Amino acid sequence: MYIVTVEFTVGPEHVEAFHQAVQQQAQNSLTLEADCHQFDVCVDPQNRERLFLYETYTDEAAFKTHLASEHYLNFDATVRDWLKSKAVQFWNRLPT
C-alpha cells in the first residue's frame, strides 16, 4: 500500500472555504478512484488553519493517476493561493 501524507497551513481568511474544498476532494477521490482506499481529512483542534491528510493508494502509479485527475487539478488550482504552506510525504505500509 502506498501512503501519502500532506500537511497544510491555510490563510485564516480561507479556512472555511478550504475545509469545504478539501472534504469534497476527499469524497471525489474515494468515489472516482478505485485505487484510492482511504482519504482522511484531519484538523488541528487548537488551530483550524492546520490540516493533515492521510491517503492510501494501491501503489505509486495509482497516486500518479490521482494527481492527473480532473478533480485533483481543479482542487489544486482553486486552493493553491489560499495556502501558507504545504508539506507532502510518501510512505510504504509494511505488511502486518
Protein backbone atom coordinates (compact mmCIF):
# COMPACT_ATOMS: atom_id res chain seq x y z
CA MET A 1 0.00 0.00 0.00
CA TYR A 2 1.27 3.47 -0.92
CA ILE A 3 0.65 6.15 1.69
CA VAL A 4 0.65 9.90 1.16
CA THR A 5 0.51 12.42 4.00
CA VAL A 6 0.02 16.11 3.44
CA GLU A 7 0.14 18.91 5.98
CA PHE A 8 -1.41 22.24 5.03
CA THR A 9 -1.46 25.62 6.70
CA VAL A 10 -4.20 27.80 5.27
CA GLY A 11 -4.58 31.57 5.43
CA PRO A 12 -7.16 32.50 8.08
CA GLU A 13 -9.43 34.19 5.54
CA HIS A 14 -9.69 30.93 3.56
CA VAL A 15 -10.19 28.37 6.35
CA GLU A 16 -13.88 27.63 5.83
CA ALA A 17 -13.63 27.53 2.03
CA PHE A 18 -10.57 25.27 2.23
CA HIS A 19 -12.29 22.90 4.66
CA GLN A 20 -15.21 22.54 2.24
CA ALA A 21 -12.94 22.13 -0.80
CA VAL A 22 -10.70 19.50 0.79
CA GLN A 23 -13.67 17.50 2.07
CA GLN A 24 -15.11 17.49 -1.45
CA GLN A 25 -11.70 16.46 -2.79
CA ALA A 26 -11.62 13.53 -0.36
CA GLN A 27 -15.11 12.42 -1.40
CA ASN A 28 -14.24 12.72 -5.11
CA SER A 29 -11.04 10.72 -4.67
CA LEU A 30 -12.80 7.91 -2.84
CA THR A 31 -15.75 7.85 -5.24
CA LEU A 32 -13.98 8.31 -8.57
CA GLU A 33 -10.69 6.45 -8.00
CA ALA A 34 -10.88 2.69 -7.48
CA ASP A 35 -7.27 2.62 -6.24
CA CYS A 36 -7.77 5.31 -3.59
CA HIS A 37 -8.67 3.34 -0.46
CA GLN A 38 -8.59 5.95 2.28
CA PHE A 39 -8.60 9.74 2.34
CA ASP A 40 -8.82 11.16 5.84
CA VAL A 41 -9.00 14.91 6.43
CA CYS A 42 -7.86 15.92 9.91
CA VAL A 43 -7.83 19.36 11.50
CA ASP A 44 -5.70 20.58 14.41
CA PRO A 45 -8.14 21.02 17.33
CA GLN A 46 -6.14 24.04 18.51
CA ASN A 47 -5.70 25.71 15.10
CA ARG A 48 -8.24 25.28 12.28
CA GLU A 49 -5.69 26.69 9.84
CA ARG A 50 -3.65 23.45 10.11
CA LEU A 51 -4.88 20.32 8.34
CA PHE A 52 -3.42 16.89 7.78
CA LEU A 53 -4.38 14.39 5.07
CA TYR A 54 -3.79 10.65 5.26
CA GLU A 55 -4.32 8.98 1.89
CA THR A 56 -3.80 5.35 0.86
CA TYR A 57 -3.46 4.09 -2.70
CA THR A 58 -2.84 0.68 -4.20
CA ASP A 59 0.58 1.80 -5.44
CA GLU A 60 2.56 4.81 -6.63
CA ALA A 61 1.02 4.56 -10.12
CA ALA A 62 -2.43 4.98 -8.56
CA PHE A 63 -1.27 8.14 -6.80
CA LYS A 64 0.11 9.49 -10.08
CA THR A 65 -3.29 8.82 -11.65
CA HIS A 66 -4.82 10.79 -8.77
CA LEU A 67 -2.52 13.75 -9.50
CA ALA A 68 -3.62 13.74 -13.15
CA SER A 69 -7.35 13.54 -12.38
CA GLU A 70 -9.62 16.42 -13.29
CA HIS A 71 -10.96 16.73 -9.75
CA TYR A 72 -7.45 16.96 -8.26
CA LEU A 73 -6.29 19.52 -10.85
CA ASN A 74 -9.38 21.65 -10.15
CA PHE A 75 -8.87 21.38 -6.39
CA ASP A 76 -5.18 22.30 -6.66
CA ALA A 77 -5.90 25.32 -8.86
CA THR A 78 -8.65 26.50 -6.51
CA VAL A 79 -6.73 26.27 -3.23
CA ARG A 80 -3.15 27.00 -4.31
CA ASP A 81 -3.29 30.70 -3.42
CA TRP A 82 -5.04 30.03 -0.11
CA LEU A 83 -2.07 28.14 1.35
CA LYS A 84 0.65 29.40 3.63
CA SER A 85 2.44 26.05 3.42
CA LYS A 86 2.10 22.51 2.10
CA ALA A 87 4.32 19.54 3.00
CA VAL A 88 3.91 16.17 1.28
CA GLN A 89 5.49 12.88 2.38
CA PHE A 90 5.35 9.40 0.89
CA TRP A 91 5.35 6.06 2.72
CA ASN A 92 5.06 2.34 2.07
CA ARG A 93 2.94 0.36 4.52
CA LEU A 94 4.65 -2.72 5.89
CA PRO A 95 2.61 -5.93 5.85
CA THR A 96 1.02 -6.84 9.16
